[in-house]
Amino acid sequence: MGTDESGKNGNHPNRSAREWCEEALSRLDAGRPEAALDAARRAAGLDPASEWAHRLISLAHERLGRDADALPAAERAVELAHGSWPARLRLAGVLRRLPGRWAEASEQAELARKFAPEEPGPEVMRGDLALLRGEHARAERAYRAALAADPGHPQARVNLGLALLRWDRPRLHHDPAWPIDPRQSGRARRAMEVWSRQVRLLLAVGTLGIAACALLLDWGAQARLGGLVLLLLLVPITVRQARRVGVWRYAGAMLGGDPWLGVSVASAALSIAAFTAWLLLGAVRVPWLDPVWAGLAGILVLGWPAQAGVRALAQAWRGRPLRALAVTEPVRASERTARRNVGVALWIVLGRTWTVLVALAGGALVVEPLAAVAMVAVPSPLVWGFLRARPGADRWLLTAAGLVVLAAVACAAGGVLEAAWAWRTGLGALVAGAVVSGLRGAQAWWRGGPGPWRSSLLMCDLPVGGEPSVALNSEVRQTFSYARSVVLAYGDALGPRVAGAVASVTSSGELRLIAETEAWEAVEEDPRVALFATDPLQRRFWVEVRGVARADSDVLRVTPKQVLVGEFPGRHQRR
């Protein structure tokens, strides 16, 4: 019914537009986007030229999941204040969620950084846009630039951890810079995935059937003819799925962007070639090659279990999880996403530790048992990560980590003491650690929650563009309206320069300038300027407005970023 904490029915006829904006922002911070939207609309109704109100309308729509509705308000805010970096950032935040608008979002983020290089927000947006494309090195540079401005920025820290982990975006097959709807690339991916699955399954079943006929029934020739028929059946399957791809122009980039999809499709194509060659080898009868066992080996190499094992190993050794822990841990207490990502990073470190211990234990048993002493040092990065992150809530993780440490110590003792019980304890602990990890994954799968794998990593996405606008009070407006002269300060290749200008103030709070040509050329490179004026009605009163200048038709539009006021010293102060 529109009630809130400051009134019985939410109606405050005496509130100004700026006060309604402040109320909208407080409601957004309290997690009440619907009420915030109402307050922001009231502000826009009282002052249609308030770009802050339009930004808050856009932000409330975004929080409600209405990205299409958030766009017009964000665009209106930019129209009202061309040089507002929060308005540019708000528009970038909306555009990045819309299909095919990534390039425009990147352009708006670059403008925001140009307008306010001292602010962390534009750099964070640039990092997010790079991270969504899988450009991890570029994202890392942007996040570190944001942290240089604000070392405690939670979104910069969490997403820098993702860049260090080489995080995989949700739609690996889709580049957000493509001017196509993600649903189109999703259908194409699904078609290629289904084709790969069907081909490998049919060929695996056919290989097993031919092998069984050759070994048990001595029907080798007839079985090979059946294999040729199976190859012919693959033609309509391939044609049907090829028609469903549709966006063949992007198919190659999709396979490159999603390497596991590429591996799946490539393995299906290799399976067809290998199956054909296997049938021919069976007919030729190569003396040194048993065609039956060659076919079964092909299933093992090209089948999904082998690919799953390779993928798990590659995922465990991708990125720098210890560095990710170091940058993410400072905001773990205040940001839920950070806590989740820290836990996943520790699981990744645990997986690495386990694989190294298995390799060392196998090598020690085969070559030299005394070499198992080196296993004691392997869990040290895992222990460091636990001491830094202190993940006390995940008992599965603590149990698996304890088993891995026990395995390292026991196997090292077995190598030194040559004791079979120590080796059995160590190897048993390694197996138990793998079982605990598997049970944790099964629990997450059953409950539909985050599991101990990379896909559980989350990108931090805090709302942007809600910062208050800089208002010009009546004294400042009067000064620029009645000033006999205005001094414009700007920078160019020769350094700081000043020039005379004629200024006026718009209803939205922008300053409109008529200035010399050199100033126009300079603000194209660096739009940050400062304006100085004195009030002729109060001769001791002066104003400095620092802002961003943008060329528009025959005037320069200056959006204020900071306003300074003061008085000149009197005669008694000059002595």
Protein backbone atom coordinates (compact mmCIF):
# COMPACT_ATOMS: atom_id res chain seq x y z
CA MET A 1 0.00 0.00 0.00
CA GLY A 2 3.00 2.29 -0.22
CA THR A 3 3.70 2.55 3.52
CA ASP A 4 7.24 3.16 4.75
CA GLU A 5 9.13 3.98 7.90
CA SER A 6 8.83 7.77 7.55
CA GLY A 7 5.05 8.05 7.23
CA LYS A 8 1.80 6.22 7.75
CA ASN A 9 0.78 6.03 4.12
CA GLY A 10 3.94 6.92 2.23
CA ASN A 11 2.63 10.28 0.97
CA HIS A 12 4.98 13.18 1.64
CA PRO A 13 3.75 16.17 -0.36
CA ASN A 14 6.44 18.47 1.06
CA ARG A 15 9.39 16.35 -0.04
CA SER A 16 11.61 17.65 -2.81
CA ALA A 17 12.73 15.58 -5.79
CA ARG A 18 16.18 15.15 -4.26
CA GLU A 19 14.69 13.92 -0.99
CA TRP A 20 12.65 11.36 -2.90
CA CYS A 21 15.85 10.24 -4.63
CA GLU A 22 17.52 9.78 -1.25
CA GLU A 23 14.52 7.77 -0.09
CA ALA A 24 14.67 5.60 -3.22
CA LEU A 25 18.36 4.92 -2.65
CA SER A 26 17.76 3.93 0.98
CA ARG A 27 14.97 1.56 -0.11
CA LEU A 28 17.29 -0.03 -2.67
CA ASP A 29 19.94 -0.53 0.01
CA ALA A 30 17.28 -2.14 2.20
CA GLY A 31 16.38 -4.63 -0.55
CA ARG A 32 13.00 -3.08 -1.46
CA PRO A 33 13.24 -2.37 -5.21
CA GLU A 34 9.49 -2.07 -5.77
CA ALA A 35 9.20 0.65 -3.11
CA ALA A 36 12.37 2.28 -4.46
CA LEU A 37 10.84 2.41 -7.93
CA ASP A 38 7.82 4.24 -6.55
CA ALA A 39 10.01 6.80 -4.77
CA ALA A 40 12.20 7.34 -7.85
CA ARG A 41 9.12 7.89 -10.02
CA ARG A 42 7.87 10.49 -7.54
CA ALA A 43 11.22 12.26 -7.82
CA ALA A 44 11.07 12.22 -11.63
CA GLY A 45 7.51 13.53 -11.50
CA LEU A 46 8.56 16.49 -9.36
CA ASP A 47 11.68 17.19 -11.41
CA PRO A 48 11.69 15.58 -14.90
CA ALA A 49 15.20 17.00 -15.48
CA SER A 50 16.69 15.05 -12.54
CA GLU A 51 19.09 12.56 -14.06
CA TRP A 52 19.62 10.98 -10.62
CA ALA A 53 15.92 10.09 -10.47
CA HIS A 54 16.08 8.40 -13.87
CA ARG A 55 19.16 6.46 -12.86
CA LEU A 56 17.37 5.20 -9.77
CA ILE A 57 14.35 4.19 -11.86
CA SER A 58 16.66 2.19 -14.10
CA LEU A 59 18.41 0.64 -11.11
CA ALA A 60 15.11 -0.38 -9.48
CA HIS A 61 13.91 -2.01 -12.71
CA GLU A 62 17.19 -3.92 -12.95
CA ARG A 63 16.89 -5.15 -9.37
CA LEU A 64 13.39 -6.39 -10.24
CA GLY A 65 14.77 -8.33 -13.23
CA ARG A 66 13.27 -6.01 -15.84
CA ASP A 67 16.33 -5.27 -17.96
CA ALA A 68 14.32 -4.06 -20.97
CA ASP A 69 12.43 -1.56 -18.77
CA ALA A 70 15.69 -0.36 -17.19
CA LEU A 71 17.15 0.76 -20.53
CA PRO A 72 14.96 3.82 -21.38
CA ALA A 73 15.50 5.40 -17.97
CA ALA A 74 19.27 4.88 -18.20
CA GLU A 75 19.34 6.42 -21.67
CA ARG A 76 17.27 9.37 -20.43
CA ALA A 77 19.77 9.98 -17.62
CA VAL A 78 22.60 10.17 -20.17
CA GLU A 79 20.60 12.59 -22.31
CA LEU A 80 20.09 14.88 -19.31
CA ALA A 81 23.74 14.78 -18.20
CA HIS A 82 26.16 13.88 -20.98
CA GLY A 83 29.16 14.16 -18.70
CA SER A 84 27.82 12.18 -15.75
CA TRP A 85 30.02 9.19 -15.07
CA PRO A 86 27.38 7.45 -12.88
CA ALA A 87 24.86 7.82 -15.74
CA ARG A 88 27.33 6.28 -18.20
CA LEU A 89 28.06 3.51 -15.75
CA ARG A 90 24.34 2.85 -15.21
CA LEU A 91 23.79 2.62 -18.96
CA ALA A 92 26.76 0.25 -19.33
CA GLY A 93 25.34 -1.95 -16.56
CA VAL A 94 22.01 -2.22 -18.40
CA LEU A 95 23.47 -2.74 -21.88
CA ARG A 96 25.74 -5.60 -20.83
CA ARG A 97 22.66 -7.63 -19.88
CA LEU A 98 20.97 -7.18 -23.27
CA PRO A 99 21.80 -9.48 -26.21
CA GLY A 100 24.15 -7.99 -28.77
CA ARG A 101 24.81 -4.77 -26.77
CA TRP A 102 28.17 -5.68 -25.24
CA ALA A 103 30.14 -3.32 -27.52
CA GLU A 104 27.92 -0.39 -26.54
CA ALA A 105 28.31 -1.27 -22.87
CA SER A 106 32.09 -1.30 -23.29
CA GLU A 107 31.96 2.12 -24.95
CA GLN A 108 29.92 3.58 -22.09
CA ALA A 109 32.30 2.08 -19.51
CA GLU A 110 35.27 3.65 -21.30
CA LEU A 111 33.52 7.03 -21.22
CA ALA A 112 32.82 6.65 -17.51
CA ARG A 113 36.50 5.93 -16.90
CA LYS A 114 37.47 8.93 -19.02
CA PHE A 115 35.14 11.17 -17.05
CA ALA A 116 36.22 9.89 -13.61
CA PRO A 117 39.59 8.07 -13.71
CA GLU A 118 39.85 8.46 -9.94
CA GLU A 119 36.73 6.34 -9.32
CA PRO A 120 36.90 2.52 -8.97
CA GLY A 121 33.43 1.88 -10.46
CA PRO A 122 34.32 2.36 -14.16
CA GLU A 123 37.36 0.09 -13.84
CA VAL A 124 35.25 -2.59 -12.17
CA MET A 125 32.74 -2.40 -15.03
CA ARG A 126 35.55 -2.70 -17.58
CA GLY A 127 36.86 -5.72 -15.69
CA ASP A 128 33.41 -7.33 -15.60
CA LEU A 129 32.94 -6.82 -19.34
CA ALA A 130 36.32 -8.42 -20.03
CA LEU A 131 35.59 -11.29 -17.63
CA LEU A 132 32.32 -12.04 -19.42
CA ARG A 133 34.32 -12.59 -22.61
CA GLY A 134 36.93 -14.75 -20.93
CA GLU A 135 39.65 -12.08 -21.26
CA HIS A 136 41.18 -12.84 -17.88
CA ALA A 137 44.42 -10.86 -18.23
CA ARG A 138 42.55 -7.73 -19.28
CA ALA A 139 40.04 -8.18 -16.47
CA GLU A 140 42.84 -8.60 -13.94
CA ARG A 141 44.44 -5.30 -14.98
CA ALA A 142 41.12 -3.46 -14.66
CA TYR A 143 40.34 -4.89 -11.22
CA ARG A 144 43.82 -4.06 -9.93
CA ALA A 145 43.36 -0.48 -11.17
CA ALA A 146 40.06 -0.33 -9.26
CA LEU A 147 41.72 -1.66 -6.10
CA ALA A 148 44.43 0.97 -6.43
CA ALA A 149 41.64 3.56 -6.07
CA ASP A 150 39.69 1.63 -3.40
CA PRO A 151 41.56 -1.31 -1.80
CA GLY A 152 38.40 -2.52 -0.07
CA HIS A 153 36.08 -2.60 -3.07
CA PRO A 154 34.23 -5.95 -2.64
CA GLN A 155 33.23 -6.50 -6.25
CA ALA A 156 36.74 -5.78 -7.52
CA ARG A 157 38.23 -8.25 -5.03
CA VAL A 158 35.75 -11.07 -5.67
CA ASN A 159 35.92 -10.78 -9.45
CA LEU A 160 39.71 -10.40 -9.42
CA GLY A 161 39.74 -13.78 -7.69
CA LEU A 162 37.67 -15.18 -10.56
CA ALA A 163 40.10 -13.73 -13.10
CA LEU A 164 43.00 -15.36 -11.25
CA LEU A 165 41.10 -18.66 -11.21
CA ARG A 166 40.50 -18.34 -14.97
CA TRP A 167 36.75 -18.50 -14.35
CA ASP A 168 34.57 -19.94 -17.10
CA ARG A 169 31.56 -17.76 -17.87
CA PRO A 170 28.14 -19.50 -17.85
CA ARG A 171 27.82 -19.47 -21.66
CA LEU A 172 31.26 -20.53 -22.87
CA HIS A 173 29.91 -21.04 -26.37
CA HIS A 174 28.58 -17.46 -26.64
CA ASP A 175 30.64 -14.30 -26.97
CA PRO A 176 28.67 -11.37 -25.50
CA ALA A 177 30.14 -9.14 -28.21
CA TRP A 178 28.32 -11.08 -30.93
CA PRO A 179 25.25 -9.28 -32.35
CA ILE A 180 23.06 -12.36 -31.95
CA ASP A 181 20.72 -13.55 -29.25
CA PRO A 182 22.32 -16.08 -26.83
CA ARG A 183 19.35 -18.35 -27.49
CA GLN A 184 20.49 -18.74 -31.10
CA SER A 185 24.00 -19.79 -30.12
CA GLY A 186 22.48 -21.96 -27.38
CA ARG A 187 20.42 -23.87 -29.95
CA ALA A 188 23.51 -24.29 -32.10
CA ARG A 189 25.51 -25.59 -29.17
CA ARG A 190 22.74 -28.00 -28.25
CA ALA A 191 22.61 -29.35 -31.82
CA MET A 192 26.38 -29.94 -31.93
CA GLU A 193 26.34 -31.52 -28.48
CA VAL A 194 23.47 -33.87 -29.37
CA TRP A 195 25.15 -34.84 -32.64
CA SER A 196 28.39 -35.64 -30.85
CA ARG A 197 26.60 -37.68 -28.19
CA GLN A 198 24.51 -39.65 -30.68
CA VAL A 199 27.46 -40.40 -32.95
CA ARG A 200 29.73 -41.61 -30.15
CA LEU A 201 27.00 -43.70 -28.54
CA LEU A 202 25.95 -45.38 -31.79
CA LEU A 203 29.54 -46.11 -32.79
CA ALA A 204 30.37 -47.46 -29.33
CA VAL A 205 27.35 -49.77 -29.41
CA GLY A 206 28.21 -50.80 -32.98
CA THR A 207 31.80 -51.54 -32.05
CA LEU A 208 30.76 -53.70 -29.11
CA GLY A 209 28.24 -55.53 -31.28
CA ILE A 210 30.76 -56.21 -34.05
CA ALA A 211 33.36 -57.35 -31.51
CA ALA A 212 30.86 -59.71 -29.87
CA CYS A 213 29.85 -61.18 -33.25
CA ALA A 214 33.47 -61.67 -34.25
CA LEU A 215 34.60 -63.22 -30.96
CA LEU A 216 31.56 -65.26 -29.94
CA LEU A 217 29.75 -66.13 -33.18
CA ASP A 218 32.53 -65.91 -35.77
CA TRP A 219 30.38 -63.59 -37.88
CA GLY A 220 33.12 -61.08 -38.65
CA ALA A 221 32.20 -60.42 -42.29
CA GLN A 222 28.50 -60.01 -41.57
CA ALA A 223 29.26 -57.75 -38.60
CA ARG A 224 31.41 -55.48 -40.80
CA LEU A 225 28.53 -55.11 -43.25
CA GLY A 226 26.37 -54.08 -40.32
CA GLY A 227 29.01 -51.49 -39.45
CA LEU A 228 28.77 -50.01 -42.95
CA VAL A 229 24.99 -49.78 -42.55
CA LEU A 230 25.56 -47.98 -39.23
CA LEU A 231 27.77 -45.44 -40.99
CA LEU A 232 24.98 -44.76 -43.47
CA LEU A 233 22.58 -44.17 -40.57
CA LEU A 234 24.82 -41.37 -39.35
CA VAL A 235 24.09 -39.33 -42.49
CA PRO A 236 20.46 -38.36 -41.65
CA ILE A 237 21.48 -37.72 -38.02
CA THR A 238 24.21 -35.35 -39.19
CA VAL A 239 21.96 -33.54 -41.67
CA ARG A 240 19.18 -33.05 -39.10
CA GLN A 241 21.47 -31.58 -36.44
CA ALA A 242 23.33 -29.45 -39.00
CA ARG A 243 20.07 -27.76 -39.94
CA ARG A 244 19.46 -26.92 -36.29
CA VAL A 245 22.81 -25.13 -35.92
CA GLY A 246 21.68 -22.18 -37.99
CA VAL A 247 24.46 -19.72 -37.07
CA TRP A 248 27.29 -21.47 -38.92
CA ARG A 249 29.11 -18.15 -39.14
CA TYR A 250 29.88 -18.40 -35.43
CA ALA A 251 30.29 -22.17 -35.18
CA GLY A 252 34.10 -22.11 -35.33
CA ALA A 253 34.33 -19.42 -32.67
CA MET A 254 31.87 -21.35 -30.51
CA LEU A 255 34.04 -24.45 -30.62
CA GLY A 256 37.12 -22.37 -29.80
CA GLY A 257 35.44 -20.48 -26.98
CA ASP A 258 34.05 -23.66 -25.41
CA PRO A 259 37.02 -26.04 -25.59
CA TRP A 260 35.13 -29.00 -24.13
CA LEU A 261 32.42 -28.64 -26.73
CA GLY A 262 35.19 -28.56 -29.32
CA VAL A 263 36.75 -31.69 -27.84
CA SER A 264 33.37 -33.44 -27.87
CA VAL A 265 32.68 -32.58 -31.52
CA ALA A 266 36.25 -33.43 -32.55
CA SER A 267 36.10 -36.78 -30.76
CA ALA A 268 32.84 -37.61 -32.56
CA ALA A 269 34.43 -36.81 -35.92
CA LEU A 270 37.50 -38.89 -34.98
CA SER A 271 35.20 -41.70 -33.89
CA ILE A 272 33.67 -41.83 -37.36
CA ALA A 273 37.11 -41.90 -38.99
CA ALA A 274 38.41 -44.48 -36.51
CA PHE A 275 35.33 -46.68 -36.93
CA THR A 276 35.67 -46.59 -40.71
CA ALA A 277 39.38 -47.43 -40.51
CA TRP A 278 38.60 -50.22 -38.04
CA LEU A 279 36.16 -51.82 -40.48
CA LEU A 280 38.76 -51.65 -43.24
CA LEU A 281 41.47 -53.10 -41.00
CA GLY A 282 39.16 -55.98 -40.15
CA ALA A 283 38.75 -56.73 -43.84
CA VAL A 284 42.49 -56.41 -44.65
CA ARG A 285 43.63 -58.44 -41.63
CA VAL A 286 46.84 -56.70 -40.59
CA PRO A 287 49.04 -59.39 -38.93
CA TRP A 288 50.40 -57.28 -36.09
CA LEU A 289 47.05 -55.70 -35.19
CA ASP A 290 44.05 -57.38 -33.62
CA PRO A 291 41.11 -55.40 -35.00
CA VAL A 292 38.76 -56.41 -32.18
CA TRP A 293 40.95 -55.05 -29.40
CA ALA A 294 41.82 -51.98 -31.50
CA GLY A 295 38.14 -51.10 -31.70
CA LEU A 296 37.64 -51.54 -27.97
CA ALA A 297 40.68 -49.37 -27.29
CA GLY A 298 39.19 -46.68 -29.53
CA ILE A 299 36.04 -46.63 -27.41
CA LEU A 300 38.17 -46.20 -24.28
CA VAL A 301 40.23 -43.32 -25.73
CA LEU A 302 37.42 -41.41 -27.44
CA GLY A 303 34.62 -42.14 -24.97
CA TRP A 304 33.23 -39.72 -22.42
CA PRO A 305 34.86 -41.33 -19.32
CA ALA A 306 38.33 -40.53 -20.64
CA GLN A 307 37.27 -37.01 -21.57
CA ALA A 308 35.69 -36.50 -18.15
CA GLY A 309 38.93 -37.53 -16.45
CA VAL A 310 41.04 -35.21 -18.60
CA ARG A 311 38.58 -32.37 -18.01
CA ALA A 312 38.63 -32.85 -14.23
CA LEU A 313 42.44 -32.82 -14.22
CA ALA A 314 42.57 -29.71 -16.40
CA GLN A 315 40.02 -27.89 -14.25
CA ALA A 316 42.01 -28.66 -11.11
CA TRP A 317 45.22 -27.20 -12.54
CA ARG A 318 43.79 -24.12 -14.18
CA GLY A 319 44.39 -20.68 -12.67
CA ARG A 320 46.06 -19.50 -9.47
CA PRO A 321 43.79 -20.42 -6.56
CA LEU A 322 46.18 -19.34 -3.80
CA ARG A 323 46.42 -15.82 -5.20
CA ALA A 324 42.65 -15.82 -5.62
CA LEU A 325 42.30 -16.71 -1.95
CA ALA A 326 44.65 -13.89 -0.96
CA VAL A 327 42.68 -11.19 -2.80
CA THR A 328 39.20 -12.51 -1.97
CA GLU A 329 39.59 -13.37 1.70
CA PRO A 330 39.58 -9.73 3.01
CA VAL A 331 35.92 -9.32 1.93
CA ARG A 332 34.78 -12.83 2.84
CA ALA A 333 33.03 -11.70 6.01
CA SER A 334 30.98 -8.99 4.31
CA GLU A 335 30.21 -10.53 0.90
CA ARG A 336 28.34 -13.83 0.53
CA THR A 337 29.73 -14.41 -2.96
CA ALA A 338 33.27 -14.14 -1.58
CA ARG A 339 32.59 -16.85 1.02
CA ARG A 340 31.31 -19.20 -1.64
CA ASN A 341 34.23 -18.58 -3.99
CA VAL A 342 36.78 -19.02 -1.20
CA GLY A 343 35.32 -22.45 -0.46
CA VAL A 344 35.51 -23.50 -4.12
CA ALA A 345 39.10 -22.23 -4.36
CA LEU A 346 40.04 -24.40 -1.38
CA TRP A 347 38.45 -27.43 -3.07
CA ILE A 348 40.57 -26.68 -6.15
CA VAL A 349 43.75 -26.54 -4.02
CA LEU A 350 42.68 -29.79 -2.38
CA GLY A 351 42.23 -31.42 -5.80
CA ARG A 352 45.69 -30.33 -6.88
CA THR A 353 47.23 -31.65 -3.68
CA TRP A 354 45.49 -35.00 -4.09
CA THR A 355 46.67 -35.48 -7.68
CA VAL A 356 50.29 -34.66 -6.78
CA LEU A 357 50.22 -37.07 -3.83
CA VAL A 358 48.80 -39.87 -6.01
CA ALA A 359 51.54 -39.31 -8.61
CA LEU A 360 54.31 -39.23 -5.98
CA ALA A 361 52.98 -42.28 -4.17
CA GLY A 362 52.79 -44.25 -7.41
CA GLY A 363 56.30 -43.20 -8.40
CA ALA A 364 57.71 -44.05 -4.98
CA LEU A 365 56.16 -47.51 -4.99
CA VAL A 366 57.48 -48.25 -8.48
CA VAL A 367 60.92 -46.60 -8.35
CA GLU A 368 62.18 -45.78 -4.84
CA PRO A 369 60.06 -45.89 -1.64
CA LEU A 370 62.34 -43.41 0.10
CA ALA A 371 61.26 -40.72 -2.41
CA ALA A 372 57.92 -40.63 -0.59
CA VAL A 373 59.55 -38.28 1.95
CA ALA A 374 58.87 -35.43 -0.47
CA MET A 375 55.13 -35.99 0.03
CA VAL A 376 55.29 -34.26 3.43
CA ALA A 377 55.77 -30.85 1.78
CA VAL A 378 52.97 -31.24 -0.77
CA PRO A 379 50.03 -30.24 1.50
CA SER A 380 51.72 -27.00 2.68
CA PRO A 381 49.82 -24.76 0.19
CA LEU A 382 46.58 -26.41 1.30
CA VAL A 383 47.40 -25.79 4.96
CA TRP A 384 48.28 -22.17 4.18
CA GLY A 385 44.97 -21.71 2.43
CA PHE A 386 43.04 -23.14 5.37
CA LEU A 387 44.88 -20.98 7.88
CA ARG A 388 44.12 -17.88 5.82
CA ALA A 389 40.51 -18.59 4.89
CA ARG A 390 39.35 -20.55 8.00
CA PRO A 391 36.40 -22.34 6.28
CA GLY A 392 34.97 -23.77 9.49
CA ALA A 393 31.45 -24.26 8.13
CA ASP A 394 32.26 -26.89 5.45
CA ARG A 395 32.89 -30.12 7.37
CA TRP A 396 33.22 -32.10 4.15
CA LEU A 397 36.13 -29.89 3.10
CA LEU A 398 37.79 -30.14 6.52
CA THR A 399 37.43 -33.93 6.52
CA ALA A 400 38.83 -34.36 3.00
CA ALA A 401 41.73 -32.00 3.74
CA GLY A 402 42.55 -33.87 6.95
CA LEU A 403 42.61 -37.18 5.10
CA VAL A 404 44.93 -35.76 2.43
CA VAL A 405 47.35 -34.44 5.06
CA LEU A 406 47.23 -37.79 6.86
CA ALA A 407 47.97 -39.54 3.57
CA ALA A 408 51.05 -37.40 2.96
CA VAL A 409 52.45 -38.02 6.44
CA ALA A 410 51.68 -41.75 6.45
CA CYS A 411 53.17 -42.40 3.00
CA ALA A 412 56.31 -40.44 3.94
CA ALA A 413 56.61 -42.54 7.10
CA GLY A 414 56.13 -45.68 5.02
CA GLY A 415 58.98 -44.65 2.73
CA VAL A 416 61.36 -43.90 5.60
CA LEU A 417 60.43 -46.82 7.89
CA GLU A 418 59.65 -49.26 5.08
CA ALA A 419 56.50 -50.13 7.01
CA ALA A 420 53.64 -51.70 5.12
CA TRP A 421 51.06 -50.46 7.67
CA ALA A 422 52.10 -46.86 7.01
CA TRP A 423 51.72 -47.31 3.28
CA ARG A 424 48.32 -48.92 3.73
CA THR A 425 47.25 -46.05 5.98
CA GLY A 426 48.45 -43.42 3.51
CA LEU A 427 46.93 -45.02 0.44
CA GLY A 428 43.71 -45.69 2.33
CA ALA A 429 43.55 -42.02 3.36
CA LEU A 430 44.00 -40.98 -0.27
CA VAL A 431 41.12 -43.21 -1.33
CA ALA A 432 38.99 -41.98 1.56
CA GLY A 433 39.70 -38.36 0.60
CA ALA A 434 38.49 -39.04 -2.92
CA VAL A 435 35.38 -40.77 -1.55
CA VAL A 436 34.58 -37.81 0.72
CA SER A 437 34.93 -35.43 -2.20
CA GLY A 438 32.69 -37.63 -4.31
CA LEU A 439 30.08 -37.78 -1.55
CA ARG A 440 30.17 -34.00 -1.20
CA GLY A 441 29.58 -33.66 -4.94
CA ALA A 442 26.75 -36.19 -4.82
CA GLN A 443 25.12 -34.30 -1.96
CA ALA A 444 25.33 -31.03 -3.90
CA TRP A 445 23.89 -32.70 -7.01
CA TRP A 446 21.02 -34.24 -5.04
CA ARG A 447 20.11 -31.00 -3.27
CA GLY A 448 20.71 -28.82 -6.31
CA GLY A 449 23.19 -26.63 -4.42
CA PRO A 450 26.75 -25.47 -5.07
CA GLY A 451 29.29 -28.26 -5.18
CA PRO A 452 33.08 -28.60 -4.96
CA TRP A 453 33.64 -27.67 -8.59
CA ARG A 454 34.35 -24.64 -10.73
CA SER A 455 30.81 -24.21 -11.97
CA SER A 456 29.86 -23.19 -8.42
CA LEU A 457 31.98 -20.03 -8.66
CA LEU A 458 29.88 -16.87 -8.78
CA MET A 459 30.58 -13.46 -10.24
CA CYS A 460 29.90 -10.58 -7.86
CA ASP A 461 27.41 -8.21 -9.45
CA LEU A 462 26.59 -5.27 -7.18
CA PRO A 463 24.26 -2.49 -8.42
CA VAL A 464 26.05 0.43 -10.06
CA GLY A 465 25.10 3.95 -11.02
CA GLY A 466 23.14 4.97 -7.92
CA GLU A 467 25.55 7.64 -6.69
CA PRO A 468 23.95 11.02 -5.88
CA SER A 469 24.30 13.72 -8.50
CA VAL A 470 26.02 17.01 -7.67
CA ALA A 471 23.39 19.68 -7.11
CA LEU A 472 23.86 23.41 -7.72
CA ASN A 473 22.21 25.45 -4.99
CA SER A 474 20.58 28.82 -5.55
CA GLU A 475 23.74 30.80 -4.73
CA VAL A 476 25.79 28.89 -7.30
CA ARG A 477 23.07 29.25 -9.94
CA GLN A 478 22.85 32.96 -9.23
CA THR A 479 26.60 33.37 -9.54
CA PHE A 480 26.77 31.84 -13.02
CA SER A 481 23.57 33.53 -14.13
CA TYR A 482 24.74 37.04 -13.25
CA ALA A 483 28.53 36.75 -13.53
CA ARG A 484 30.11 39.27 -15.91
CA SER A 485 32.79 36.75 -16.86
CA VAL A 486 33.47 33.05 -16.41
CA VAL A 487 36.95 31.50 -16.49
CA LEU A 488 37.29 28.03 -18.01
CA ALA A 489 40.33 25.96 -17.00
CA TYR A 490 41.25 22.90 -19.04
CA GLY A 491 44.29 20.91 -20.04
CA ASP A 492 45.86 20.21 -23.43
CA ALA A 493 49.20 19.04 -24.80
CA LEU A 494 50.87 22.24 -23.58
CA GLY A 495 49.57 21.88 -20.02
CA PRO A 496 46.85 23.68 -18.04
CA ARG A 497 45.20 26.62 -19.79
CA VAL A 498 42.49 29.15 -19.00
CA ALA A 499 40.09 31.00 -21.25
CA GLY A 500 37.10 33.27 -20.98
CA ALA A 501 33.63 31.86 -21.52
CA VAL A 502 29.96 32.70 -21.33
CA ALA A 503 27.90 30.35 -19.19
CA SER A 504 24.31 29.58 -18.31
CA VAL A 505 22.68 27.02 -16.01
CA THR A 506 20.01 24.56 -17.19
CA SER A 507 17.15 23.18 -15.12
CA SER A 508 18.95 19.82 -14.89
CA GLY A 509 21.98 21.45 -13.25
CA GLU A 510 24.30 21.43 -16.26
CA LEU A 511 26.35 24.44 -17.29
CA ARG A 512 26.22 25.51 -20.94
CA LEU A 513 29.35 27.28 -22.22
CA ILE A 514 30.33 29.26 -25.27
CA ALA A 515 34.11 29.02 -25.41
CA GLU A 516 37.01 29.36 -27.84
CA THR A 517 37.84 26.68 -30.43
CA GLU A 518 40.99 25.53 -28.62
CA ALA A 519 38.91 24.54 -25.60
CA TRP A 520 36.65 22.38 -27.76
CA GLU A 521 39.61 20.51 -29.18
CA ALA A 522 41.15 20.04 -25.73
CA VAL A 523 38.06 18.55 -24.08
CA GLU A 524 37.90 15.88 -26.77
CA GLU A 525 41.12 14.48 -25.30
CA ASP A 526 40.51 15.28 -21.63
CA PRO A 527 36.95 16.34 -20.78
CA ARG A 528 37.73 17.30 -17.18
CA VAL A 529 37.45 21.07 -16.72
CA ALA A 530 36.94 23.68 -14.01
CA LEU A 531 34.85 26.87 -14.10
CA PHE A 532 35.42 29.94 -11.96
CA ALA A 533 32.98 32.80 -11.47
CA THR A 534 32.25 35.59 -8.99
CA ASP A 535 28.85 36.92 -8.02
CA PRO A 536 28.51 40.60 -9.03
CA LEU A 537 25.69 41.03 -6.49
CA GLN A 538 27.90 39.73 -3.66
CA ARG A 539 31.38 40.76 -4.72
CA ARG A 540 33.18 38.72 -2.10
CA PHE A 541 31.48 35.43 -3.15
CA TRP A 542 33.22 33.09 -5.62
CA VAL A 543 32.40 29.64 -7.07
CA GLU A 544 34.50 26.87 -8.59
CA VAL A 545 32.75 24.02 -10.40
CA ARG A 546 34.80 21.01 -11.42
CA GLY A 547 33.15 18.79 -13.96
CA VAL A 548 33.12 17.03 -17.31
CA ALA A 549 32.63 18.94 -20.58
CA ARG A 550 30.99 17.43 -23.65
CA ALA A 551 30.46 19.11 -27.00
CA ASP A 552 26.83 19.43 -28.05
CA SER A 553 25.91 21.43 -31.16
CA ASP A 554 27.30 24.95 -30.62
CA VAL A 555 27.87 24.76 -26.83
CA LEU A 556 29.90 22.84 -24.29
CA ARG A 557 27.80 21.00 -21.71
CA VAL A 558 29.52 20.73 -18.33
CA THR A 559 28.20 18.21 -15.82
CA PRO A 560 29.34 19.12 -12.27
CA LYS A 561 31.39 16.65 -10.25
CA GLN A 562 32.41 18.94 -7.39
CA VAL A 563 31.37 22.43 -6.27
CA LEU A 564 33.57 24.72 -4.15
CA VAL A 565 32.41 28.09 -2.77
CA GLY A 566 34.09 30.78 -0.70
CA GLU A 567 34.67 34.46 -0.11
CA PHE A 568 37.50 36.74 -1.12
CA PRO A 569 39.42 38.27 1.79
CA GLY A 570 38.35 41.74 2.94
CA ARG A 571 40.61 44.79 3.43
CA HIS A 572 41.35 43.89 7.01
CA GLN A 573 42.56 40.48 5.83
CA ARG A 574 44.94 41.81 3.23
CA ARG A 575 47.23 43.49 5.72
